Amino acid sequence: VSRDLSVVVPQDLCAEELLLEVKAVSDNLLDNVEIFDVYQGEGIDSDKKSVALCLTFIDPSRTLIDSEIDQAMANVFRSLQEKFNATMRT
């Protein structure tokens, strides 16, 4: 199951730090996380940037259910919010 997450973070935050934090707080269902877009410009404060992540979850022994993925995504966002003052890009 793949889900995208776009967050707005401080401009000087290294994108690698985001990846490391996602990996650190994710449970064993996270198979991969990649950055697929970084945006600075119209609609984003000049001291911020938008980073879009694609998270892939898998369990080789069973089919995952939406509530598991939703919880994992909520945990990731909460951690990014607390550690980097991230906000959800809408």
N, C-alpha and C. Protein backbone atom coordinates (compact mmCIF):
# COMPACT_ATOMS: atom_id res chain seq x y z
N VAL A 1 0.85 -1.17 0.00
CA VAL A 1 0.00 0.00 0.00
C VAL A 1 0.89 1.23 0.00
N SER A 2 0.66 2.15 -0.91
CA SER A 2 1.42 3.40 -0.95
C SER A 2 0.52 4.56 -0.60
N ARG A 3 1.05 5.46 0.19
CA ARG A 3 0.35 6.69 0.57
C ARG A 3 1.31 7.85 0.43
N ASP A 4 0.77 8.99 0.01
CA ASP A 4 1.56 10.20 -0.10
C ASP A 4 1.28 11.12 1.08
N LEU A 5 2.30 11.86 1.47
CA LEU A 5 2.19 12.83 2.55
C LEU A 5 2.98 14.06 2.14
N SER A 6 2.30 15.22 2.11
CA SER A 6 2.96 16.48 1.78
C SER A 6 2.95 17.36 3.02
N VAL A 7 4.14 17.77 3.43
CA VAL A 7 4.26 18.60 4.62
C VAL A 7 5.03 19.88 4.29
N VAL A 8 4.72 20.92 5.02
CA VAL A 8 5.44 22.19 4.91
C VAL A 8 6.34 22.28 6.12
N VAL A 9 7.62 22.49 5.85
CA VAL A 9 8.65 22.50 6.89
C VAL A 9 9.55 23.72 6.70
N PRO A 10 10.38 24.03 7.70
CA PRO A 10 11.32 25.14 7.52
C PRO A 10 12.23 24.91 6.31
N GLN A 11 12.53 25.97 5.61
CA GLN A 11 13.32 25.90 4.37
C GLN A 11 14.70 25.30 4.61
N ASP A 12 15.29 25.55 5.77
CA ASP A 12 16.65 25.08 6.01
C ASP A 12 16.72 23.64 6.50
N LEU A 13 15.59 22.98 6.64
CA LEU A 13 15.58 21.58 7.07
C LEU A 13 16.04 20.68 5.93
N CYS A 14 17.02 19.86 6.21
CA CYS A 14 17.51 18.91 5.22
C CYS A 14 16.47 17.81 5.01
N ALA A 15 16.14 17.55 3.77
CA ALA A 15 15.12 16.54 3.47
C ALA A 15 15.50 15.16 4.01
N GLU A 16 16.79 14.88 4.07
CA GLU A 16 17.25 13.60 4.62
C GLU A 16 16.81 13.43 6.07
N GLU A 17 16.74 14.54 6.82
CA GLU A 17 16.28 14.46 8.20
C GLU A 17 14.83 13.98 8.27
N LEU A 18 14.01 14.41 7.32
CA LEU A 18 12.63 13.94 7.26
C LEU A 18 12.58 12.44 7.04
N LEU A 19 13.37 11.96 6.09
CA LEU A 19 13.39 10.53 5.80
C LEU A 19 13.83 9.72 7.01
N LEU A 20 14.86 10.19 7.68
CA LEU A 20 15.35 9.47 8.86
C LEU A 20 14.30 9.43 9.96
N GLU A 21 13.59 10.53 10.15
CA GLU A 21 12.55 10.56 11.19
C GLU A 21 11.39 9.63 10.85
N VAL A 22 10.98 9.62 9.60
CA VAL A 22 9.88 8.72 9.18
C VAL A 22 10.29 7.27 9.45
N LYS A 23 11.50 6.92 9.09
CA LYS A 23 11.97 5.55 9.32
C LYS A 23 12.06 5.23 10.80
N ALA A 24 12.46 6.21 11.61
CA ALA A 24 12.63 5.98 13.04
C ALA A 24 11.31 5.76 13.76
N VAL A 25 10.26 6.44 13.32
CA VAL A 25 8.98 6.34 14.04
C VAL A 25 8.02 5.32 13.44
N SER A 26 8.35 4.82 12.26
CA SER A 26 7.45 3.87 11.61
C SER A 26 7.64 2.47 12.18
N ASP A 27 6.54 1.74 12.19
CA ASP A 27 6.63 0.36 12.65
C ASP A 27 7.19 -0.52 11.54
N ASN A 28 7.17 -1.80 11.77
CA ASN A 28 7.77 -2.73 10.82
C ASN A 28 6.98 -2.87 9.52
N LEU A 29 5.86 -2.18 9.40
CA LEU A 29 5.08 -2.24 8.16
C LEU A 29 5.65 -1.34 7.07
N LEU A 30 6.46 -0.35 7.44
CA LEU A 30 7.03 0.55 6.45
C LEU A 30 8.10 -0.18 5.65
N ASP A 31 7.88 -0.24 4.34
CA ASP A 31 8.83 -0.91 3.46
C ASP A 31 9.78 0.10 2.82
N ASN A 32 9.25 1.29 2.49
CA ASN A 32 10.07 2.29 1.78
C ASN A 32 9.47 3.67 1.97
N VAL A 33 10.32 4.67 1.95
CA VAL A 33 9.89 6.07 1.94
C VAL A 33 10.80 6.83 1.00
N GLU A 34 10.19 7.63 0.14
CA GLU A 34 10.94 8.41 -0.85
C GLU A 34 10.38 9.81 -0.95
N ILE A 35 11.25 10.75 -1.22
CA ILE A 35 10.82 12.11 -1.52
C ILE A 35 10.58 12.19 -3.02
N PHE A 36 9.39 12.66 -3.40
CA PHE A 36 9.13 12.77 -4.84
C PHE A 36 8.90 14.20 -5.30
N ASP A 37 8.89 15.16 -4.35
CA ASP A 37 8.74 16.55 -4.77
C ASP A 37 9.17 17.47 -3.63
N VAL A 38 9.87 18.52 -3.98
CA VAL A 38 10.19 19.61 -3.07
C VAL A 38 9.78 20.88 -3.79
N TYR A 39 8.96 21.71 -3.11
CA TYR A 39 8.44 22.91 -3.76
C TYR A 39 8.63 24.12 -2.86
N GLN A 40 9.11 25.19 -3.47
CA GLN A 40 9.18 26.49 -2.83
C GLN A 40 8.63 27.48 -3.84
N GLY A 41 7.76 28.33 -3.40
CA GLY A 41 7.20 29.30 -4.34
C GLY A 41 5.82 29.75 -3.91
N GLU A 42 5.03 30.11 -4.90
CA GLU A 42 3.70 30.65 -4.65
C GLU A 42 2.89 29.72 -3.76
N GLY A 43 2.29 30.32 -2.74
CA GLY A 43 1.45 29.56 -1.82
C GLY A 43 2.19 29.01 -0.61
N ILE A 44 3.52 29.11 -0.61
CA ILE A 44 4.34 28.63 0.49
C ILE A 44 5.13 29.82 1.03
N ASP A 45 5.13 30.02 2.35
CA ASP A 45 5.89 31.12 2.95
C ASP A 45 7.35 31.05 2.49
N SER A 46 7.98 32.21 2.38
CA SER A 46 9.34 32.28 1.84
C SER A 46 10.37 31.56 2.71
N ASP A 47 10.07 31.37 3.99
CA ASP A 47 11.01 30.67 4.87
C ASP A 47 10.65 29.19 5.04
N LYS A 48 9.75 28.70 4.16
CA LYS A 48 9.28 27.31 4.23
C LYS A 48 9.43 26.63 2.87
N LYS A 49 9.29 25.31 2.90
CA LYS A 49 9.24 24.53 1.67
C LYS A 49 8.25 23.39 1.88
N SER A 50 7.73 22.89 0.79
CA SER A 50 6.84 21.75 0.83
C SER A 50 7.63 20.53 0.37
N VAL A 51 7.53 19.46 1.15
CA VAL A 51 8.19 18.21 0.80
C VAL A 51 7.12 17.12 0.71
N ALA A 52 7.08 16.44 -0.41
CA ALA A 52 6.11 15.37 -0.62
C ALA A 52 6.82 14.03 -0.53
N LEU A 53 6.27 13.16 0.30
CA LEU A 53 6.85 11.84 0.55
C LEU A 53 5.88 10.76 0.08
N CYS A 54 6.42 9.70 -0.43
CA CYS A 54 5.64 8.51 -0.75
C CYS A 54 6.08 7.41 0.21
N LEU A 55 5.14 6.92 1.01
CA LEU A 55 5.42 5.86 1.97
C LEU A 55 4.79 4.57 1.47
N THR A 56 5.53 3.50 1.48
CA THR A 56 5.02 2.19 1.04
C THR A 56 5.05 1.25 2.24
N PHE A 57 3.89 0.64 2.48
CA PHE A 57 3.72 -0.28 3.60
C PHE A 57 3.45 -1.68 3.05
N ILE A 58 3.95 -2.67 3.75
CA ILE A 58 3.74 -4.05 3.32
C ILE A 58 3.84 -4.98 4.52
N ASP A 59 3.08 -6.05 4.46
CA ASP A 59 3.23 -7.17 5.38
C ASP A 59 3.18 -8.41 4.51
N PRO A 60 4.29 -9.14 4.43
CA PRO A 60 4.34 -10.27 3.51
C PRO A 60 3.41 -11.42 3.89
N SER A 61 2.90 -11.41 5.11
CA SER A 61 2.09 -12.53 5.56
C SER A 61 0.59 -12.30 5.48
N ARG A 62 0.17 -11.05 5.20
CA ARG A 62 -1.27 -10.77 5.17
C ARG A 62 -1.55 -9.46 4.44
N THR A 63 -2.82 -9.22 4.19
CA THR A 63 -3.25 -7.99 3.56
C THR A 63 -3.45 -6.93 4.64
N LEU A 64 -2.89 -5.77 4.43
CA LEU A 64 -3.06 -4.68 5.38
C LEU A 64 -4.44 -4.06 5.25
N ILE A 65 -4.96 -3.54 6.35
CA ILE A 65 -6.25 -2.87 6.30
C ILE A 65 -6.05 -1.37 6.45
N ASP A 66 -7.02 -0.61 5.95
CA ASP A 66 -6.91 0.85 5.92
C ASP A 66 -6.63 1.45 7.29
N SER A 67 -7.26 0.93 8.32
CA SER A 67 -7.08 1.52 9.65
C SER A 67 -5.63 1.40 10.13
N GLU A 68 -4.95 0.33 9.75
CA GLU A 68 -3.53 0.18 10.11
C GLU A 68 -2.67 1.24 9.41
N ILE A 69 -2.95 1.43 8.15
CA ILE A 69 -2.19 2.41 7.37
C ILE A 69 -2.51 3.82 7.86
N ASP A 70 -3.78 4.08 8.12
CA ASP A 70 -4.18 5.40 8.63
C ASP A 70 -3.46 5.71 9.94
N GLN A 71 -3.37 4.74 10.83
CA GLN A 71 -2.70 4.93 12.10
C GLN A 71 -1.20 5.17 11.91
N ALA A 72 -0.60 4.42 11.02
CA ALA A 72 0.83 4.60 10.74
C ALA A 72 1.09 6.00 10.17
N MET A 73 0.24 6.44 9.25
CA MET A 73 0.41 7.77 8.66
C MET A 73 0.22 8.86 9.72
N ALA A 74 -0.76 8.68 10.60
CA ALA A 74 -1.00 9.65 11.68
C ALA A 74 0.22 9.73 12.60
N ASN A 75 0.81 8.59 12.91
CA ASN A 75 2.00 8.57 13.77
C ASN A 75 3.16 9.30 13.11
N VAL A 76 3.34 9.08 11.82
CA VAL A 76 4.42 9.75 11.08
C VAL A 76 4.20 11.26 11.10
N PHE A 77 2.99 11.69 10.75
CA PHE A 77 2.73 13.12 10.70
C PHE A 77 2.90 13.76 12.08
N ARG A 78 2.38 13.12 13.11
CA ARG A 78 2.49 13.65 14.47
C ARG A 78 3.98 13.85 14.85
N SER A 79 4.79 12.89 14.50
CA SER A 79 6.22 12.99 14.81
C SER A 79 6.88 14.13 14.04
N LEU A 80 6.56 14.27 12.77
CA LEU A 80 7.13 15.36 11.96
C LEU A 80 6.65 16.71 12.48
N GLN A 81 5.42 16.76 12.92
CA GLN A 81 4.85 17.98 13.48
C GLN A 81 5.59 18.37 14.77
N GLU A 82 5.80 17.40 15.64
CA GLU A 82 6.45 17.67 16.92
C GLU A 82 7.93 18.00 16.75
N LYS A 83 8.63 17.26 15.90
CA LYS A 83 10.08 17.44 15.78
C LYS A 83 10.47 18.61 14.90
N PHE A 84 9.72 18.84 13.80
CA PHE A 84 10.12 19.84 12.82
C PHE A 84 9.10 20.97 12.64
N ASN A 85 8.05 20.97 13.46
CA ASN A 85 6.98 21.96 13.33
C ASN A 85 6.33 21.89 11.93
N ALA A 86 6.22 20.69 11.41
CA ALA A 86 5.63 20.47 10.09
C ALA A 86 4.13 20.72 10.12
N THR A 87 3.61 21.21 9.02
CA THR A 87 2.17 21.34 8.85
C THR A 87 1.79 20.58 7.59
N MET A 88 0.55 20.15 7.54
CA MET A 88 0.06 19.41 6.38
C MET A 88 -0.15 20.41 5.24
N ARG A 89 0.34 20.07 4.07
CA ARG A 89 0.08 20.89 2.89
C ARG A 89 -1.25 20.48 2.31
N THR A 90 -2.10 21.46 2.11
CA THR A 90 -3.44 21.16 1.57
C THR A 90 -3.56 21.62 0.15
